[in-house]
């Protein structure tokens, strides 16, 4: 009897074998059908990417018109439209230091028709100062490329501030603590961070007056309602040339070729290593397909290299600095760490 049991285990009945073979065949058939069923979906996604763009593209600027981000978008949009063969429109969505427009893009469909033209504030400063509104640009956005570097300048209303050099400004600020006011495009903006860093390095105290956008600050600065601002070179130098504002220094470590007679703040105020520059970049919703990311990246690199576009950007104080999506992702990560430390050390935070 034991021999019979062993034989039965070694040699299962033919019916059992047939059932096993049928089961294997059924599994193989199901796998084949699953592959065939998925094929149209894959083909459809690929076709959609190949067909992109088939409708107008929105470049969302999370700030009001009149600032450096808006200027960049309006210079690049026509050239990008020619390159991609579709209308590219600029959509200003200001508010909350850029948060409203940025989050609108993060929530948009990841189809390549809604892109963010952001800056250092949207990508690297807001995430580290708005603790009650956590936003991770590396998780909620798809970095496409860094676009430009923005030279900053320190300008004052010459009728309100009796200083014509950065050193004079420091002397006056120390003699009149709290009497000078500086405007910014909003709490936590690069303009505020720059001024706060200046206060910390010079041991001065000034009043911060936040606005909803650079355009609003500029009007009040010219009118004398605020005394000074750290802001982008392109926007401010137009008013300097018109005689309405006075420039005391540039924020980079080197003088800019366009204005070789204007000293750096570091040299004029004897502040070694003092540097205030901003940058901009392009991104889409987090799940934006990689092939669309790459296509937009190539288009931006190409149009920014065009002679006419390059000249317009430089004239606006926007120095082209495009790269790869991977480069931009790494850069954002480094900037988050850098400005997180500055905000923590200086106690800058927003609700």
C-alpha atoms as a PDB file:
ATOM      1  CA  UNK A   1       0.000   0.000   0.000  1.00  0.00           C
ATOM      2  CA  UNK A   2       2.851   2.409   0.778  1.00  0.00           C
ATOM      3  CA  UNK A   3       4.295   1.668  -2.656  1.00  0.00           C
ATOM      4  CA  UNK A   4       1.002   2.577  -4.242  1.00  0.00           C
ATOM      5  CA  UNK A   5       0.864   5.925  -2.454  1.00  0.00           C
ATOM      6  CA  UNK A   6       4.395   6.771  -3.538  1.00  0.00           C
ATOM      7  CA  UNK A   7       3.596   5.870  -7.124  1.00  0.00           C
ATOM      8  CA  UNK A   8       0.460   8.018  -7.040  1.00  0.00           C
ATOM      9  CA  UNK A   9       2.465  11.025  -5.805  1.00  0.00           C
ATOM     10  CA  UNK A  10       5.181  10.555  -8.422  1.00  0.00           C
ATOM     11  CA  UNK A  11       2.737   9.986 -11.251  1.00  0.00           C
ATOM     12  CA  UNK A  12      -0.453  12.089 -10.799  1.00  0.00           C
ATOM     13  CA  UNK A  13      -3.518  11.019 -12.741  1.00  0.00           C
ATOM     14  CA  UNK A  14      -3.805  12.127 -16.371  1.00  0.00           C
ATOM     15  CA  UNK A  15      -6.876  14.262 -15.590  1.00  0.00           C
ATOM     16  CA  UNK A  16      -4.908  16.333 -13.099  1.00  0.00           C
ATOM     17  CA  UNK A  17      -2.161  16.862 -15.656  1.00  0.00           C
ATOM     18  CA  UNK A  18      -4.647  18.005 -18.232  1.00  0.00           C
ATOM     19  CA  UNK A  19      -6.184  20.464 -15.745  1.00  0.00           C
ATOM     20  CA  UNK A  20      -2.783  21.899 -14.933  1.00  0.00           C
ATOM     21  CA  UNK A  21      -1.944  22.369 -18.605  1.00  0.00           C
ATOM     22  CA  UNK A  22      -5.266  24.068 -19.200  1.00  0.00           C
ATOM     23  CA  UNK A  23      -4.649  26.437 -16.276  1.00  0.00           C
ATOM     24  CA  UNK A  24      -1.246  27.382 -17.650  1.00  0.00           C
ATOM     25  CA  UNK A  25      -2.756  28.008 -21.074  1.00  0.00           C
ATOM     26  CA  UNK A  26      -5.483  30.174 -19.549  1.00  0.00           C
ATOM     27  CA  UNK A  27      -2.962  32.323 -17.681  1.00  0.00           C
ATOM     28  CA  UNK A  28      -0.941  32.787 -20.871  1.00  0.00           C
ATOM     29  CA  UNK A  29      -4.077  33.783 -22.759  1.00  0.00           C
ATOM     30  CA  UNK A  30      -5.033  36.346 -20.106  1.00  0.00           C
ATOM     31  CA  UNK A  31      -1.537  37.826 -20.195  1.00  0.00           C
ATOM     32  CA  UNK A  32      -1.738  38.124 -23.971  1.00  0.00           C
ATOM     33  CA  UNK A  33      -5.121  39.857 -23.790  1.00  0.00           C
ATOM     34  CA  UNK A  34      -3.826  42.229 -21.099  1.00  0.00           C
ATOM     35  CA  UNK A  35      -0.885  43.173 -23.300  1.00  0.00           C
ATOM     36  CA  UNK A  36      -3.147  43.732 -26.288  1.00  0.00           C
ATOM     37  CA  UNK A  37      -5.557  45.790 -24.198  1.00  0.00           C
ATOM     38  CA  UNK A  38      -2.761  48.012 -22.843  1.00  0.00           C
ATOM     39  CA  UNK A  39      -1.223  48.583 -26.256  1.00  0.00           C
ATOM     40  CA  UNK A  40      -3.830  51.122 -27.414  1.00  0.00           C
ATOM     41  CA  UNK A  41      -3.381  53.084 -24.168  1.00  0.00           C
ATOM     42  CA  UNK A  42       0.385  53.244 -24.638  1.00  0.00           C
ATOM     43  CA  UNK A  43      -0.046  54.144 -28.288  1.00  0.00           C
ATOM     44  CA  UNK A  44      -2.617  56.778 -27.360  1.00  0.00           C
ATOM     45  CA  UNK A  45      -0.275  58.405 -24.817  1.00  0.00           C
ATOM     46  CA  UNK A  46       2.573  58.365 -27.321  1.00  0.00           C
ATOM     47  CA  UNK A  47       0.341  59.823 -30.017  1.00  0.00           C
ATOM     48  CA  UNK A  48      -0.825  62.576 -27.658  1.00  0.00           C
ATOM     49  CA  UNK A  49       2.771  63.500 -26.874  1.00  0.00           C
ATOM     50  CA  UNK A  50       3.672  63.426 -30.574  1.00  0.00           C
ATOM     51  CA  UNK A  51       0.701  65.683 -31.360  1.00  0.00           C
ATOM     52  CA  UNK A  52       1.680  68.226 -28.700  1.00  0.00           C
ATOM     53  CA  UNK A  53       1.099  71.108 -28.947  1.00  0.00           C
ATOM     54  CA  UNK A  54      -2.313  71.077 -30.596  1.00  0.00           C
ATOM     55  CA  UNK A  55      -3.748  74.085 -28.732  1.00  0.00           C
ATOM     56  CA  UNK A  56      -2.508  77.371 -27.202  1.00  0.00           C
ATOM     57  CA  UNK A  57      -0.004  77.192 -24.342  1.00  0.00           C
ATOM     58  CA  UNK A  58      -0.349  79.353 -21.221  1.00  0.00           C
ATOM     59  CA  UNK A  59       2.731  80.761 -19.536  1.00  0.00           C
ATOM     60  CA  UNK A  60       1.515  81.511 -16.021  1.00  0.00           C
ATOM     61  CA  UNK A  61       3.361  84.435 -14.423  1.00  0.00           C
ATOM     62  CA  UNK A  62       2.562  84.380 -10.677  1.00  0.00           C
ATOM     63  CA  UNK A  63       3.245  88.106 -10.358  1.00  0.00           C
ATOM     64  CA  UNK A  64       1.686  91.306 -11.654  1.00  0.00           C
ATOM     65  CA  UNK A  65       2.734  92.937 -14.914  1.00  0.00           C
ATOM     66  CA  UNK A  66       5.762  95.201 -14.818  1.00  0.00           C
ATOM     67  CA  UNK A  67       8.320  92.993 -13.083  1.00  0.00           C
ATOM     68  CA  UNK A  68      11.241  90.905 -14.316  1.00  0.00           C
ATOM     69  CA  UNK A  69       9.296  87.635 -14.567  1.00  0.00           C
ATOM     70  CA  UNK A  70       6.592  89.294 -16.640  1.00  0.00           C
ATOM     71  CA  UNK A  71       9.251  90.927 -18.836  1.00  0.00           C
ATOM     72  CA  UNK A  72      10.911  87.569 -19.492  1.00  0.00           C
ATOM     73  CA  UNK A  73       7.645  85.865 -20.410  1.00  0.00           C
ATOM     74  CA  UNK A  74       6.652  88.612 -22.838  1.00  0.00           C
ATOM     75  CA  UNK A  75      10.048  88.608 -24.556  1.00  0.00           C
ATOM     76  CA  UNK A  76      10.154  84.834 -24.982  1.00  0.00           C
ATOM     77  CA  UNK A  77       6.480  84.068 -25.735  1.00  0.00           C
ATOM     78  CA  UNK A  78       6.448  85.211 -29.398  1.00  0.00           C
ATOM     79  CA  UNK A  79       9.650  83.312 -30.218  1.00  0.00           C
ATOM     80  CA  UNK A  80       8.418  80.219 -28.392  1.00  0.00           C
ATOM     81  CA  UNK A  81       5.173  80.417 -30.344  1.00  0.00           C
ATOM     82  CA  UNK A  82       7.094  80.390 -33.639  1.00  0.00           C
ATOM     83  CA  UNK A  83       9.258  77.500 -32.491  1.00  0.00           C
ATOM     84  CA  UNK A  84       6.380  75.300 -31.282  1.00  0.00           C
ATOM     85  CA  UNK A  85       3.856  76.272 -33.936  1.00  0.00           C
ATOM     86  CA  UNK A  86       1.160  77.276 -31.437  1.00  0.00           C
ATOM     87  CA  UNK A  87       0.047  80.454 -29.716  1.00  0.00           C
ATOM     88  CA  UNK A  88       1.841  81.073 -26.423  1.00  0.00           C
ATOM     89  CA  UNK A  89      -0.028  83.479 -24.153  1.00  0.00           C
ATOM     90  CA  UNK A  90       1.124  85.147 -20.933  1.00  0.00           C
ATOM     91  CA  UNK A  91      -1.318  84.763 -18.034  1.00  0.00           C
ATOM     92  CA  UNK A  92      -0.584  86.936 -14.975  1.00  0.00           C
ATOM     93  CA  UNK A  93      -1.888  85.287 -11.792  1.00  0.00           C
ATOM     94  CA  UNK A  94      -0.462  87.431  -8.949  1.00  0.00           C
ATOM     95  CA  UNK A  95      -1.031  87.087  -5.229  1.00  0.00           C
ATOM     96  CA  UNK A  96       0.562  85.802  -2.021  1.00  0.00           C
ATOM     97  CA  UNK A  97       4.131  86.403  -3.239  1.00  0.00           C
ATOM     98  CA  UNK A  98       3.607  84.128  -6.211  1.00  0.00           C
ATOM     99  CA  UNK A  99       1.961  81.251  -4.358  1.00  0.00           C
ATOM    100  CA  UNK A 100      -1.454  81.585  -6.040  1.00  0.00           C
ATOM    101  CA  UNK A 101      -0.130  81.287  -9.581  1.00  0.00           C
ATOM    102  CA  UNK A 102       2.400  78.610  -8.659  1.00  0.00           C
ATOM    103  CA  UNK A 103      -0.178  76.356  -7.038  1.00  0.00           C
ATOM    104  CA  UNK A 104      -2.555  76.910  -9.971  1.00  0.00           C
ATOM    105  CA  UNK A 105       0.062  75.376 -12.258  1.00  0.00           C
ATOM    106  CA  UNK A 106       0.755  72.535  -9.813  1.00  0.00           C
ATOM    107  CA  UNK A 107      -2.973  71.644  -9.897  1.00  0.00           C
ATOM    108  CA  UNK A 108      -3.332  72.003 -13.677  1.00  0.00           C
ATOM    109  CA  UNK A 109      -3.567  68.983 -16.001  1.00  0.00           C
ATOM    110  CA  UNK A 110      -0.113  67.640 -16.837  1.00  0.00           C
ATOM    111  CA  UNK A 111      -0.653  68.038 -20.570  1.00  0.00           C
ATOM    112  CA  UNK A 112       1.906  70.725 -21.380  1.00  0.00           C
ATOM    113  CA  UNK A 113      -0.598  73.515 -21.947  1.00  0.00           C
ATOM    114  CA  UNK A 114      -0.088  75.229 -18.579  1.00  0.00           C
ATOM    115  CA  UNK A 115       3.488  76.110 -17.641  1.00  0.00           C
ATOM    116  CA  UNK A 116       4.967  78.203 -14.838  1.00  0.00           C
ATOM    117  CA  UNK A 117       7.377  81.074 -15.408  1.00  0.00           C
ATOM    118  CA  UNK A 118       8.716  81.333 -11.874  1.00  0.00           C
ATOM    119  CA  UNK A 119      11.663  82.819 -10.075  1.00  0.00           C
ATOM    120  CA  UNK A 120      13.816  82.368  -7.009  1.00  0.00           C
ATOM    121  CA  UNK A 121      10.855  83.253  -4.780  1.00  0.00           C
ATOM    122  CA  UNK A 122       8.444  80.694  -6.208  1.00  0.00           C
ATOM    123  CA  UNK A 123      10.987  77.888  -6.398  1.00  0.00           C
ATOM    124  CA  UNK A 124      13.297  78.457  -3.426  1.00  0.00           C
ATOM    125  CA  UNK A 125      12.139  81.153  -0.995  1.00  0.00           C
ATOM    126  CA  UNK A 126       8.399  80.659  -0.526  1.00  0.00           C
ATOM    127  CA  UNK A 127       8.848  76.960   0.332  1.00  0.00           C
ATOM    128  CA  UNK A 128      11.190  77.808   3.223  1.00  0.00           C
ATOM    129  CA  UNK A 129       9.347  80.765   4.765  1.00  0.00           C
ATOM    130  CA  UNK A 130       5.672  79.800   4.469  1.00  0.00           C
ATOM    131  CA  UNK A 131       5.559  77.105   7.123  1.00  0.00           C
ATOM    132  CA  UNK A 132       1.726  77.054   7.204  1.00  0.00           C
ATOM    133  CA  UNK A 133       1.515  76.495   3.465  1.00  0.00           C
ATOM    134  CA  UNK A 134       4.016  73.736   2.724  1.00  0.00           C
ATOM    135  CA  UNK A 135       4.965  73.431  -0.929  1.00  0.00           C
ATOM    136  CA  UNK A 136       7.704  71.254  -2.357  1.00  0.00           C
ATOM    137  CA  UNK A 137       8.621  72.387  -5.882  1.00  0.00           C
ATOM    138  CA  UNK A 138      10.596  69.217  -6.498  1.00  0.00           C
ATOM    139  CA  UNK A 139       7.545  67.043  -5.783  1.00  0.00           C
ATOM    140  CA  UNK A 140       4.693  69.248  -7.004  1.00  0.00           C
ATOM    141  CA  UNK A 141       6.324  70.625 -10.144  1.00  0.00           C
ATOM    142  CA  UNK A 142       8.327  69.244 -13.058  1.00  0.00           C
ATOM    143  CA  UNK A 143      11.443  71.415 -13.533  1.00  0.00           C
ATOM    144  CA  UNK A 144      12.047  72.174 -17.219  1.00  0.00           C
ATOM    145  CA  UNK A 145      14.959  74.612 -17.229  1.00  0.00           C
ATOM    146  CA  UNK A 146      16.546  77.506 -15.468  1.00  0.00           C
ATOM    147  CA  UNK A 147      16.080  80.391 -17.888  1.00  0.00           C
ATOM    148  CA  UNK A 148      17.877  83.571 -16.836  1.00  0.00           C
ATOM    149  CA  UNK A 149      19.910  85.178 -14.077  1.00  0.00           C
ATOM    150  CA  UNK A 150      18.653  88.568 -12.939  1.00  0.00           C
ATOM    151  CA  UNK A 151      21.071  91.251 -11.813  1.00  0.00           C
ATOM    152  CA  UNK A 152      19.810  93.244  -8.829  1.00  0.00           C
ATOM    153  CA  UNK A 153      20.474  96.903  -8.082  1.00  0.00           C
ATOM    154  CA  UNK A 154      19.989  99.078  -5.005  1.00  0.00           C
ATOM    155  CA  UNK A 155      18.041 102.215  -5.924  1.00  0.00           C
ATOM    156  CA  UNK A 156      16.668 105.101  -3.869  1.00  0.00           C
ATOM    157  CA  UNK A 157      14.347 108.027  -4.378  1.00  0.00           C
ATOM    158  CA  UNK A 158      16.863 110.900  -4.674  1.00  0.00           C
ATOM    159  CA  UNK A 159      14.384 113.416  -3.291  1.00  0.00           C
ATOM    160  CA  UNK A 160      13.838 111.392  -0.112  1.00  0.00           C
ATOM    161  CA  UNK A 161      17.245 109.835   0.561  1.00  0.00           C
ATOM    162  CA  UNK A 162      20.317 112.107   0.885  1.00  0.00           C
ATOM    163  CA  UNK A 163      22.757 109.391  -0.165  1.00  0.00           C
ATOM    164  CA  UNK A 164      24.476 108.811  -3.499  1.00  0.00           C
ATOM    165  CA  UNK A 165      26.640 105.848  -2.556  1.00  0.00           C
ATOM    166  CA  UNK A 166      25.974 102.644  -0.666  1.00  0.00           C
ATOM    167  CA  UNK A 167      28.422 103.775   2.021  1.00  0.00           C
ATOM    168  CA  UNK A 168      26.500 107.045   2.442  1.00  0.00           C
ATOM    169  CA  UNK A 169      23.264 105.094   2.757  1.00  0.00           C
ATOM    170  CA  UNK A 170      24.676 102.954   5.554  1.00  0.00           C
ATOM    171  CA  UNK A 171      25.910 106.029   7.413  1.00  0.00           C
ATOM    172  CA  UNK A 172      22.509 107.702   7.097  1.00  0.00           C
ATOM    173  CA  UNK A 173      20.625 104.543   8.127  1.00  0.00           C
ATOM    174  CA  UNK A 174      22.758 104.156  11.251  1.00  0.00           C
ATOM    175  CA  UNK A 175      22.201 107.792  12.188  1.00  0.00           C
ATOM    176  CA  UNK A 176      18.429 107.495  11.643  1.00  0.00           C
ATOM    177  CA  UNK A 177      17.470 103.937  12.693  1.00  0.00           C
ATOM    178  CA  UNK A 178      14.043 102.880  11.473  1.00  0.00           C
ATOM    179  CA  UNK A 179      13.457 106.032   9.431  1.00  0.00           C
ATOM    180  CA  UNK A 180      14.239 104.570   6.007  1.00  0.00           C
ATOM    181  CA  UNK A 181      11.686 102.322   4.317  1.00  0.00           C
ATOM    182  CA  UNK A 182      12.218  99.758   1.595  1.00  0.00           C
ATOM    183  CA  UNK A 183       9.558  98.298  -0.642  1.00  0.00           C
ATOM    184  CA  UNK A 184       9.246  94.762  -1.934  1.00  0.00           C
ATOM    185  CA  UNK A 185       6.932  92.754  -4.148  1.00  0.00           C
ATOM    186  CA  UNK A 186       5.704  90.870  -1.086  1.00  0.00           C
ATOM    187  CA  UNK A 187       6.640  89.253   2.196  1.00  0.00           C
ATOM    188  CA  UNK A 188       9.336  86.681   1.590  1.00  0.00           C
ATOM    189  CA  UNK A 189      10.144  87.977  -1.882  1.00  0.00           C
ATOM    190  CA  UNK A 190      13.721  88.127  -3.093  1.00  0.00           C
ATOM    191  CA  UNK A 191      13.500  91.897  -2.705  1.00  0.00           C
ATOM    192  CA  UNK A 192      12.785  91.543   1.008  1.00  0.00           C
ATOM    193  CA  UNK A 193      15.423  88.845   1.447  1.00  0.00           C
ATOM    194  CA  UNK A 194      18.007  91.074  -0.233  1.00  0.00           C
ATOM    195  CA  UNK A 195      17.208  94.066   1.973  1.00  0.00           C
ATOM    196  CA  UNK A 196      17.140  91.920   5.110  1.00  0.00           C
ATOM    197  CA  UNK A 197      20.547  90.521   4.236  1.00  0.00           C
ATOM    198  CA  UNK A 198      21.795  94.096   3.709  1.00  0.00           C
ATOM    199  CA  UNK A 199      20.437  95.106   7.130  1.00  0.00           C
ATOM    200  CA  UNK A 200      22.130  92.140   8.765  1.00  0.00           C
ATOM    201  CA  UNK A 201      25.497  92.780   7.109  1.00  0.00           C
ATOM    202  CA  UNK A 202      25.443  96.533   7.832  1.00  0.00           C
ATOM    203  CA  UNK A 203      23.799  96.344  11.269  1.00  0.00           C
ATOM    204  CA  UNK A 204      21.125  98.836  10.261  1.00  0.00           C
ATOM    205  CA  UNK A 205      17.366  98.846  10.824  1.00  0.00           C
ATOM    206  CA  UNK A 206      14.809  99.849   8.198  1.00  0.00           C
ATOM    207  CA  UNK A 207      11.062  99.497   7.666  1.00  0.00           C
ATOM    208  CA  UNK A 208       9.807  96.833   5.262  1.00  0.00           C
ATOM    209  CA  UNK A 209       6.748  97.794   3.173  1.00  0.00           C
ATOM    210  CA  UNK A 210       5.405  94.815   1.177  1.00  0.00           C
ATOM    211  CA  UNK A 211       3.368  95.331  -1.997  1.00  0.00           C
ATOM    212  CA  UNK A 212       1.529  93.071  -4.427  1.00  0.00           C
ATOM    213  CA  UNK A 213       4.086  93.119  -7.190  1.00  0.00           C
ATOM    214  CA  UNK A 214       7.083  95.125  -8.351  1.00  0.00           C
ATOM    215  CA  UNK A 215       4.967  97.442 -10.494  1.00  0.00           C
ATOM    216  CA  UNK A 216       3.089  98.690  -7.438  1.00  0.00           C
ATOM    217  CA  UNK A 217       6.314  99.277  -5.506  1.00  0.00           C
ATOM    218  CA  UNK A 218       7.859 101.172  -8.377  1.00  0.00           C
ATOM    219  CA  UNK A 219       4.991 103.646  -8.550  1.00  0.00           C
ATOM    220  CA  UNK A 220       5.220 104.431  -4.844  1.00  0.00           C
ATOM    221  CA  UNK A 221       9.017 104.575  -4.935  1.00  0.00           C
ATOM    222  CA  UNK A 222       8.962 107.187  -7.701  1.00  0.00           C
ATOM    223  CA  UNK A 223       6.215 109.078  -5.842  1.00  0.00           C
ATOM    224  CA  UNK A 224       8.275 109.084  -2.647  1.00  0.00           C
ATOM    225  CA  UNK A 225       6.014 106.900  -0.514  1.00  0.00           C
ATOM    226  CA  UNK A 226       8.894 104.458   0.078  1.00  0.00           C
ATOM    227  CA  UNK A 227      12.586 105.321   0.089  1.00  0.00           C
ATOM    228  CA  UNK A 228      14.453 102.459  -1.555  1.00  0.00           C
ATOM    229  CA  UNK A 229      14.362  98.974  -3.021  1.00  0.00           C
ATOM    230  CA  UNK A 230      16.582  96.095  -4.078  1.00  0.00           C
ATOM    231  CA  UNK A 231      15.149  94.995  -7.413  1.00  0.00           C
ATOM    232  CA  UNK A 232      15.982  93.772 -10.888  1.00  0.00           C
ATOM    233  CA  UNK A 233      18.286  95.893 -12.987  1.00  0.00           C
ATOM    234  CA  UNK A 234      16.107  95.977 -16.100  1.00  0.00           C
ATOM    235  CA  UNK A 235      13.032  97.425 -14.408  1.00  0.00           C
ATOM    236  CA  UNK A 236      14.864  99.888 -12.175  1.00  0.00           C
ATOM    237  CA  UNK A 237      17.403 101.279 -14.632  1.00  0.00           C
ATOM    238  CA  UNK A 238      14.658 102.633 -16.871  1.00  0.00           C
ATOM    239  CA  UNK A 239      13.631 104.939 -14.028  1.00  0.00           C
ATOM    240  CA  UNK A 240      17.261 105.739 -13.215  1.00  0.00           C
ATOM    241  CA  UNK A 241      17.864 106.824 -16.809  1.00  0.00           C
ATOM    242  CA  UNK A 242      14.749 108.990 -16.608  1.00  0.00           C
ATOM    243  CA  UNK A 243      16.214 110.742 -13.554  1.00  0.00           C
ATOM    244  CA  UNK A 244      13.446 109.562 -11.228  1.00  0.00           C
ATOM    245  CA  UNK A 245      15.603 107.196  -9.160  1.00  0.00           C
ATOM    246  CA  UNK A 246      19.277 106.983  -8.175  1.00  0.00           C
ATOM    247  CA  UNK A 247      21.262 103.736  -8.269  1.00  0.00           C
ATOM    248  CA  UNK A 248      23.772 103.125  -5.475  1.00  0.00           C
ATOM    249  CA  UNK A 249      25.191  99.775  -6.541  1.00  0.00           C
ATOM    250  CA  UNK A 250      24.698  96.437  -8.281  1.00  0.00           C
ATOM    251  CA  UNK A 251      24.130  93.266  -6.317  1.00  0.00           C
ATOM    252  CA  UNK A 252      26.534  90.909  -8.067  1.00  0.00           C
ATOM    253  CA  UNK A 253      30.152  90.300  -7.183  1.00  0.00           C
ATOM    254  CA  UNK A 254      31.226  91.925 -10.461  1.00  0.00           C
ATOM    255  CA  UNK A 255      30.177  95.110 -12.222  1.00  0.00           C
ATOM    256  CA  UNK A 256      27.786  94.538 -15.112  1.00  0.00           C
ATOM    257  CA  UNK A 257      29.089  95.213 -18.646  1.00  0.00           C
ATOM    258  CA  UNK A 258      26.108  97.411 -19.516  1.00  0.00           C
ATOM    259  CA  UNK A 259      26.862  99.834 -16.660  1.00  0.00           C
ATOM    260  CA  UNK A 260      30.599  99.625 -15.942  1.00  0.00           C
ATOM    261  CA  UNK A 261      30.604 102.854 -13.917  1.00  0.00           C
ATOM    262  CA  UNK A 262      28.191 101.527 -11.297  1.00  0.00           C
ATOM    263  CA  UNK A 263      30.115  99.833  -8.465  1.00  0.00           C
ATOM    264  CA  UNK A 264      29.065  96.648  -6.760  1.00  0.00           C
ATOM    265  CA  UNK A 265      27.484  97.046  -3.348  1.00  0.00           C
ATOM    266  CA  UNK A 266      30.266  94.854  -1.983  1.00  0.00           C
ATOM    267  CA  UNK A 267      32.979  97.292  -3.080  1.00  0.00           C
ATOM    268  CA  UNK A 268      31.045 100.536  -2.547  1.00  0.00           C
ATOM    269  CA  UNK A 269      29.955  99.647   0.984  1.00  0.00           C
ATOM    270  CA  UNK A 270      33.028  97.596   1.936  1.00  0.00           C
ATOM    271  CA  UNK A 271      30.967  94.425   2.335  1.00  0.00           C
ATOM    272  CA  UNK A 272      33.193  91.619   1.036  1.00  0.00           C
ATOM    273  CA  UNK A 273      31.216  88.753  -0.460  1.00  0.00           C
ATOM    274  CA  UNK A 274      27.872  90.558  -0.401  1.00  0.00           C
ATOM    275  CA  UNK A 275      25.871  89.184  -3.324  1.00  0.00           C
ATOM    276  CA  UNK A 276      22.240  89.639  -4.296  1.00  0.00           C
ATOM    277  CA  UNK A 277      21.175  88.134  -7.616  1.00  0.00           C
ATOM    278  CA  UNK A 278      17.994  86.404  -8.630  1.00  0.00           C
ATOM    279  CA  UNK A 279      17.071  83.857 -11.262  1.00  0.00           C
ATOM    280  CA  UNK A 280      14.087  82.516 -13.132  1.00  0.00           C
ATOM    281  CA  UNK A 281      12.985  79.140 -14.400  1.00  0.00           C
ATOM    282  CA  UNK A 282      10.285  77.227 -16.238  1.00  0.00           C
ATOM    283  CA  UNK A 283       8.303  74.288 -14.855  1.00  0.00           C
ATOM    284  CA  UNK A 284       5.099  72.350 -15.362  1.00  0.00           C
ATOM    285  CA  UNK A 285       2.821  70.148 -13.255  1.00  0.00           C
ATOM    286  CA  UNK A 286       4.603  67.264 -11.530  1.00  0.00           C
ATOM    287  CA  UNK A 287       3.461  64.501 -13.896  1.00  0.00           C
ATOM    288  CA  UNK A 288       4.288  66.328 -17.107  1.00  0.00           C
ATOM    289  CA  UNK A 289       5.480  63.679 -19.609  1.00  0.00           C
ATOM    290  CA  UNK A 290       9.243  63.559 -20.025  1.00  0.00           C
ATOM    291  CA  UNK A 291       9.083  64.002 -23.798  1.00  0.00           C
ATOM    292  CA  UNK A 292       7.099  67.241 -23.414  1.00  0.00           C
ATOM    293  CA  UNK A 293       9.562  68.437 -20.761  1.00  0.00           C
ATOM    294  CA  UNK A 294      12.425  67.738 -23.167  1.00  0.00           C
ATOM    295  CA  UNK A 295      10.700  69.437 -26.090  1.00  0.00           C
ATOM    296  CA  UNK A 296       9.990  72.617 -24.141  1.00  0.00           C
ATOM    297  CA  UNK A 297      13.539  72.548 -22.787  1.00  0.00           C
ATOM    298  CA  UNK A 298      15.018  72.322 -26.282  1.00  0.00           C
ATOM    299  CA  UNK A 299      12.721  75.095 -27.509  1.00  0.00           C
ATOM    300  CA  UNK A 300      13.728  77.456 -24.681  1.00  0.00           C
ATOM    301  CA  UNK A 301      17.427  76.794 -25.206  1.00  0.00           C
ATOM    302  CA  UNK A 302      17.012  77.458 -28.928  1.00  0.00           C
ATOM    303  CA  UNK A 303      14.983  80.678 -28.761  1.00  0.00           C
ATOM    304  CA  UNK A 304      17.130  82.203 -26.004  1.00  0.00           C
ATOM    305  CA  UNK A 305      20.153  81.716 -28.244  1.00  0.00           C
ATOM    306  CA  UNK A 306      18.509  83.644 -31.096  1.00  0.00           C
ATOM    307  CA  UNK A 307      20.254  86.972 -31.634  1.00  0.00           C
ATOM    308  CA  UNK A 308      17.122  89.118 -31.334  1.00  0.00           C
ATOM    309  CA  UNK A 309      15.751  87.374 -28.248  1.00  0.00           C
ATOM    310  CA  UNK A 310      19.157  87.291 -26.570  1.00  0.00           C
ATOM    311  CA  UNK A 311      19.590  91.036 -27.135  1.00  0.00           C
ATOM    312  CA  UNK A 312      16.148  91.835 -25.711  1.00  0.00           C
ATOM    313  CA  UNK A 313      16.805  89.713 -22.635  1.00  0.00           C
ATOM    314  CA  UNK A 314      20.152  91.368 -21.996  1.00  0.00           C
ATOM    315  CA  UNK A 315      18.628  94.818 -22.442  1.00  0.00           C
ATOM    316  CA  UNK A 316      16.068  93.921 -19.773  1.00  0.00           C
ATOM    317  CA  UNK A 317      18.808  92.802 -17.386  1.00  0.00           C
ATOM    318  CA  UNK A 318      17.973  89.124 -17.894  1.00  0.00           C
ATOM    319  CA  UNK A 319      21.117  87.100 -18.581  1.00  0.00           C
ATOM    320  CA  UNK A 320      20.305  83.837 -20.462  1.00  0.00           C
ATOM    321  CA  UNK A 321      21.327  80.783 -18.471  1.00  0.00           C
ATOM    322  CA  UNK A 322      19.310  77.813 -19.739  1.00  0.00           C
ATOM    323  CA  UNK A 323      20.374  74.214 -19.204  1.00  0.00           C
ATOM    324  CA  UNK A 324      18.857  70.760 -18.814  1.00  0.00           C
ATOM    325  CA  UNK A 325      15.903  69.662 -16.661  1.00  0.00           C
ATOM    326  CA  UNK A 326      18.310  67.697 -14.467  1.00  0.00           C
ATOM    327  CA  UNK A 327      20.547  70.737 -14.005  1.00  0.00           C
ATOM    328  CA  UNK A 328      17.545  72.807 -12.934  1.00  0.00           C
ATOM    329  CA  UNK A 329      16.322  70.181 -10.479  1.00  0.00           C
ATOM    330  CA  UNK A 330      19.726  70.068  -8.786  1.00  0.00           C
ATOM    331  CA  UNK A 331      19.927  73.868  -8.735  1.00  0.00           C
ATOM    332  CA  UNK A 332      16.522  74.205  -7.060  1.00  0.00           C
ATOM    333  CA  UNK A 333      17.572  71.696  -4.400  1.00  0.00           C
ATOM    334  CA  UNK A 334      20.744  73.679  -3.659  1.00  0.00           C
ATOM    335  CA  UNK A 335      18.860  77.001  -3.534  1.00  0.00           C
ATOM    336  CA  UNK A 336      16.258  75.584  -1.141  1.00  0.00           C
ATOM    337  CA  UNK A 337      19.059  74.665   1.228  1.00  0.00           C
ATOM    338  CA  UNK A 338      20.832  78.040   0.854  1.00  0.00           C
ATOM    339  CA  UNK A 339      17.812  80.292   1.377  1.00  0.00           C
ATOM    340  CA  UNK A 340      16.391  78.055   4.065  1.00  0.00           C
ATOM    341  CA  UNK A 341      19.503  78.815   6.095  1.00  0.00           C
ATOM    342  CA  UNK A 342      19.267  82.569   5.393  1.00  0.00           C
ATOM    343  CA  UNK A 343      15.602  82.670   6.413  1.00  0.00           C
ATOM    344  CA  UNK A 344      16.338  80.704   9.566  1.00  0.00           C
ATOM    345  CA  UNK A 345      19.337  82.813  10.570  1.00  0.00           C
ATOM    346  CA  UNK A 346      17.505  86.118   9.989  1.00  0.00           C
ATOM    347  CA  UNK A 347      14.165  84.971  11.373  1.00  0.00           C
ATOM    348  CA  UNK A 348      12.266  85.638   8.150  1.00  0.00           C
ATOM    349  CA  UNK A 349       8.935  83.852   7.984  1.00  0.00           C
ATOM    350  CA  UNK A 350       5.472  84.420   6.581  1.00  0.00           C
ATOM    351  CA  UNK A 351       2.009  83.180   7.531  1.00  0.00           C
END
